[in-house]
Amino acid sequence: MSAEPIMEMVMTEQDPIDLLIAFEEASVAPIRPEYVEGTVIVPPQPNHEHNHGAFKLAVQFFTAGHDLAGVGNGFRGAHKDGSTMALVIPDFYILRRRPTELDEAYRKAHKSWYPIDMIALVGEVTSTNHAIDTGAKLATYAAVGIPVYVLVNRHAGTVHCYTDPVVPGEDPTEAYYDTDTKVDLGDALPLPAPYPTLDTAPFLEADI
């Protein structure tokens, strides 16, 4: 992909959810902006190789019996004071539970964003915005305590399974994962139980 993500620092008291709605309404083309570390991110439209590979990974989870694997939903992470920390739309994920009435009420109250604590495993596939997935999003996922982060880094030609999230202080941007299981793109990636080993071969022919 040749397009670059659009990023804009937010210096406002406006709720980030309303700010993303304003971005969507102002755009001529359909966009799905996200909000991470105080920055609005408008990712480039993913190409076929990106979506094909992400879908193949999600199918592997379904085949292994994880019927709460999914794509497409947005999730909200909150600070301790309840304010919005992050608004993300992962490339794929596995939920801890089917959405409950409380989850749906949360989604309605927060204008289509589910609570991020629903996620048991989260996955991203890099495009031209690889620095976001390897930096700000990694810290965000660790900060909110998602146990497993699977990252397909097409830029570096590696695939990672991050586990054991650590938040060393009060600043969520300093959060990280203590364990990084890494393989070359195309190799099998072992995941912690109860998840399957992932075949990453679908990305070998991806246009990075």
Protein backbone atom coordinates (compact mmCIF):
# COMPACT_ATOMS: atom_id res chain seq x y z
CA MET A 1 0.00 0.00 0.00
CA SER A 2 1.27 3.45 -0.85
CA ALA A 3 -1.07 5.53 1.27
CA GLU A 4 0.17 6.80 4.61
CA PRO A 5 -1.95 6.99 7.76
CA ILE A 6 -3.23 10.40 8.76
CA MET A 7 -2.47 11.30 12.36
CA GLU A 8 -3.46 14.36 14.33
CA MET A 9 -2.71 15.15 17.97
CA VAL A 10 -5.82 16.05 19.94
CA MET A 11 -5.59 19.14 22.16
CA THR A 12 -9.22 19.46 23.18
CA GLU A 13 -11.71 18.68 25.92
CA GLN A 14 -14.00 17.12 23.33
CA ASP A 15 -14.80 13.45 23.86
CA PRO A 16 -12.62 11.49 21.40
CA ILE A 17 -15.69 9.50 20.34
CA ASP A 18 -17.39 12.67 19.12
CA LEU A 19 -14.16 13.77 17.48
CA LEU A 20 -13.96 10.56 15.45
CA ILE A 21 -17.58 10.99 14.39
CA ALA A 22 -16.69 14.49 13.17
CA PHE A 23 -13.75 13.07 11.17
CA GLU A 24 -16.03 10.46 9.58
CA GLU A 25 -18.68 13.04 8.67
CA ALA A 26 -16.10 15.41 7.17
CA SER A 27 -14.48 12.77 4.96
CA VAL A 28 -15.57 12.35 1.35
CA ALA A 29 -14.39 8.72 1.32
CA PRO A 30 -15.48 6.15 3.93
CA ILE A 31 -12.97 6.03 6.80
CA ARG A 32 -12.71 4.25 10.15
CA PRO A 33 -10.57 6.48 12.37
CA GLU A 34 -9.10 5.30 15.66
CA TYR A 35 -7.80 7.10 18.73
CA VAL A 36 -4.57 6.01 20.46
CA GLU A 37 -2.26 7.88 22.85
CA GLY A 38 -4.05 11.20 22.37
CA THR A 39 -3.83 10.98 18.58
CA VAL A 40 -6.54 10.49 15.98
CA ILE A 41 -5.38 7.92 13.45
CA VAL A 42 -6.98 7.45 10.05
CA PRO A 43 -5.44 4.23 8.73
CA PRO A 44 -4.99 3.80 4.98
CA GLN A 45 -7.55 1.54 3.34
CA PRO A 46 -6.12 -2.00 3.62
CA ASN A 47 -5.32 -3.85 0.42
CA HIS A 48 -6.35 -7.37 -0.59
CA GLU A 49 -3.25 -9.08 0.82
CA HIS A 50 -3.77 -7.46 4.21
CA ASN A 51 -7.44 -8.44 4.47
CA HIS A 52 -6.94 -11.89 2.95
CA GLY A 53 -4.21 -12.74 5.46
CA ALA A 54 -6.14 -11.40 8.46
CA PHE A 55 -9.22 -13.37 7.39
CA LYS A 56 -7.15 -16.55 7.05
CA LEU A 57 -5.92 -16.14 10.62
CA ALA A 58 -9.45 -15.59 11.93
CA VAL A 59 -10.61 -18.74 10.10
CA GLN A 60 -7.87 -20.76 11.83
CA PHE A 61 -9.29 -19.72 15.20
CA PHE A 62 -12.81 -20.70 14.11
CA THR A 63 -11.55 -24.07 12.87
CA ALA A 64 -9.90 -24.67 16.24
CA GLY A 65 -13.23 -24.13 17.98
CA HIS A 66 -12.95 -20.46 18.98
CA ASP A 67 -16.32 -19.30 17.70
CA LEU A 68 -15.93 -15.91 19.39
CA ALA A 69 -13.20 -14.95 16.93
CA GLY A 70 -14.19 -11.90 14.95
CA VAL A 71 -13.33 -8.85 12.88
CA GLY A 72 -14.75 -5.38 12.39
CA ASN A 73 -15.99 -4.25 15.81
CA GLY A 74 -14.59 -1.21 17.59
CA PHE A 75 -13.53 -1.23 21.23
CA ARG A 76 -13.06 1.49 23.84
CA GLY A 77 -10.40 1.48 26.53
CA ALA A 78 -10.79 3.81 29.50
CA HIS A 79 -8.51 5.48 32.00
CA LYS A 80 -9.06 4.91 35.73
CA ASP A 81 -11.14 8.09 35.86
CA GLY A 82 -13.47 6.73 33.16
CA SER A 83 -12.29 9.01 30.36
CA THR A 84 -11.47 7.56 26.97
CA MET A 85 -7.95 6.15 26.65
CA ALA A 86 -8.25 4.49 23.26
CA LEU A 87 -10.70 3.67 20.46
CA VAL A 88 -9.42 0.80 18.32
CA ILE A 89 -10.66 -1.46 15.54
CA PRO A 90 -8.39 -4.53 15.56
CA ASP A 91 -7.83 -6.57 12.41
CA PHE A 92 -9.04 -9.66 14.30
CA TYR A 93 -9.76 -10.71 17.86
CA ILE A 94 -11.18 -13.39 20.14
CA LEU A 95 -13.73 -12.31 22.73
CA ARG A 96 -13.93 -13.50 26.32
CA ARG A 97 -17.72 -13.64 26.09
CA ARG A 98 -20.61 -13.03 23.79
CA PRO A 99 -21.86 -9.46 24.21
CA THR A 100 -24.16 -9.28 27.22
CA GLU A 101 -26.99 -6.82 27.79
CA LEU A 102 -24.52 -4.71 29.77
CA ASP A 103 -22.04 -4.80 26.88
CA GLU A 104 -24.74 -3.71 24.45
CA ALA A 105 -25.81 -0.93 26.82
CA TYR A 106 -22.16 0.19 27.01
CA ARG A 107 -21.95 0.13 23.21
CA LYS A 108 -25.08 2.27 22.94
CA ALA A 109 -23.84 4.74 25.54
CA HIS A 110 -20.48 5.05 23.79
CA LYS A 111 -21.86 5.39 20.27
CA SER A 112 -20.95 1.96 18.80
CA TRP A 113 -17.78 1.16 20.80
CA TYR A 114 -17.75 -2.03 22.88
CA PRO A 115 -15.76 -2.26 26.16
CA ILE A 116 -12.23 -3.41 25.43
CA ASP A 117 -12.22 -5.83 28.37
CA MET A 118 -14.31 -8.15 26.17
CA ILE A 119 -11.13 -9.05 24.26
CA ALA A 120 -9.09 -12.12 25.23
CA LEU A 121 -6.77 -12.06 22.20
CA VAL A 122 -6.18 -9.19 19.80
CA GLY A 123 -4.45 -9.19 16.41
CA GLU A 124 -3.06 -6.61 14.01
CA VAL A 125 -1.57 -6.90 10.53
CA THR A 126 0.70 -4.03 9.59
CA SER A 127 0.29 -1.91 6.50
CA THR A 128 2.20 1.35 5.95
CA ASN A 129 1.27 2.25 9.54
CA HIS A 130 3.52 -0.46 11.00
CA ALA A 131 5.00 1.90 13.61
CA ILE A 132 1.55 2.36 15.16
CA ASP A 133 0.91 -1.37 15.52
CA THR A 134 4.40 -2.02 16.91
CA GLY A 135 4.41 1.00 19.22
CA ALA A 136 1.31 2.89 20.34
CA LYS A 137 -1.15 0.04 19.86
CA LEU A 138 1.14 -2.45 21.55
CA ALA A 139 1.37 -0.17 24.59
CA THR A 140 -2.39 0.39 24.57
CA TYR A 141 -3.24 -3.30 24.43
CA ALA A 142 -0.81 -4.00 27.26
CA ALA A 143 -2.13 -1.06 29.32
CA VAL A 144 -5.71 -2.36 29.22
CA GLY A 145 -4.54 -5.87 30.11
CA ILE A 146 -5.30 -7.85 26.95
CA PRO A 147 -3.45 -11.13 27.64
CA VAL A 148 -2.36 -11.98 24.09
CA TYR A 149 -1.42 -9.67 21.21
CA VAL A 150 -0.66 -11.30 17.85
CA LEU A 151 1.18 -8.99 15.47
CA VAL A 152 1.95 -9.75 11.84
CA ASN A 153 4.72 -7.30 10.99
CA ARG A 154 4.83 -7.41 7.21
CA HIS A 155 7.38 -4.56 7.20
CA ALA A 156 9.93 -6.54 9.24
CA GLY A 157 8.94 -9.96 7.90
CA THR A 158 8.16 -11.32 11.37
CA VAL A 159 5.17 -12.50 13.36
CA HIS A 160 4.88 -12.03 17.12
CA CYS A 161 2.86 -13.40 19.99
CA TYR A 162 3.09 -10.93 22.87
CA THR A 163 1.99 -12.11 26.32
CA ASP A 164 2.31 -11.06 29.97
CA PRO A 165 1.25 -7.38 29.83
CA VAL A 166 3.05 -5.05 32.25
CA VAL A 167 2.05 -1.54 33.35
CA PRO A 168 5.10 -0.21 35.22
CA GLY A 169 3.51 3.02 36.48
CA GLU A 170 0.61 5.39 36.01
CA ASP A 171 1.44 6.25 32.39
CA PRO A 172 -0.33 3.80 30.01
CA THR A 173 2.03 4.76 27.17
CA GLU A 174 4.83 2.98 29.06
CA ALA A 175 3.00 -0.36 29.19
CA TYR A 176 4.54 -3.32 27.39
CA TYR A 177 4.45 -7.10 27.04
CA ASP A 178 7.10 -9.00 28.95
CA THR A 179 7.16 -12.00 26.58
CA ASP A 180 7.62 -11.89 22.82
CA THR A 181 7.49 -15.15 20.87
CA LYS A 182 8.73 -14.31 17.37
CA VAL A 183 8.97 -16.29 14.13
CA ASP A 184 9.73 -15.39 10.54
CA LEU A 185 6.79 -14.54 8.32
CA GLY A 186 5.54 -17.79 6.82
CA ASP A 187 6.54 -19.96 9.78
CA ALA A 188 4.15 -21.46 12.32
CA LEU A 189 3.55 -19.23 15.35
CA PRO A 190 2.91 -21.04 18.64
CA LEU A 191 0.28 -19.43 20.85
CA PRO A 192 -0.47 -20.09 24.51
CA ALA A 193 -3.24 -22.55 25.39
CA PRO A 194 -6.06 -22.80 24.49
CA TYR A 195 -5.20 -21.22 21.15
CA PRO A 196 -3.91 -23.06 18.06
CA THR A 197 -0.54 -22.70 16.41
CA LEU A 198 -1.03 -20.22 13.58
CA ASP A 199 -0.02 -20.83 9.99
CA THR A 200 1.33 -17.49 8.73
CA ALA A 201 2.07 -18.73 5.20
CA PRO A 202 -0.84 -16.72 3.68
CA PHE A 203 1.29 -13.59 4.13
CA LEU A 204 4.29 -14.84 2.13
CA GLU A 205 2.94 -13.39 -1.09
CA ALA A 206 1.63 -10.21 0.54
CA ASP A 207 2.51 -6.88 -0.99
CA ILE A 208 4.42 -5.16 1.82
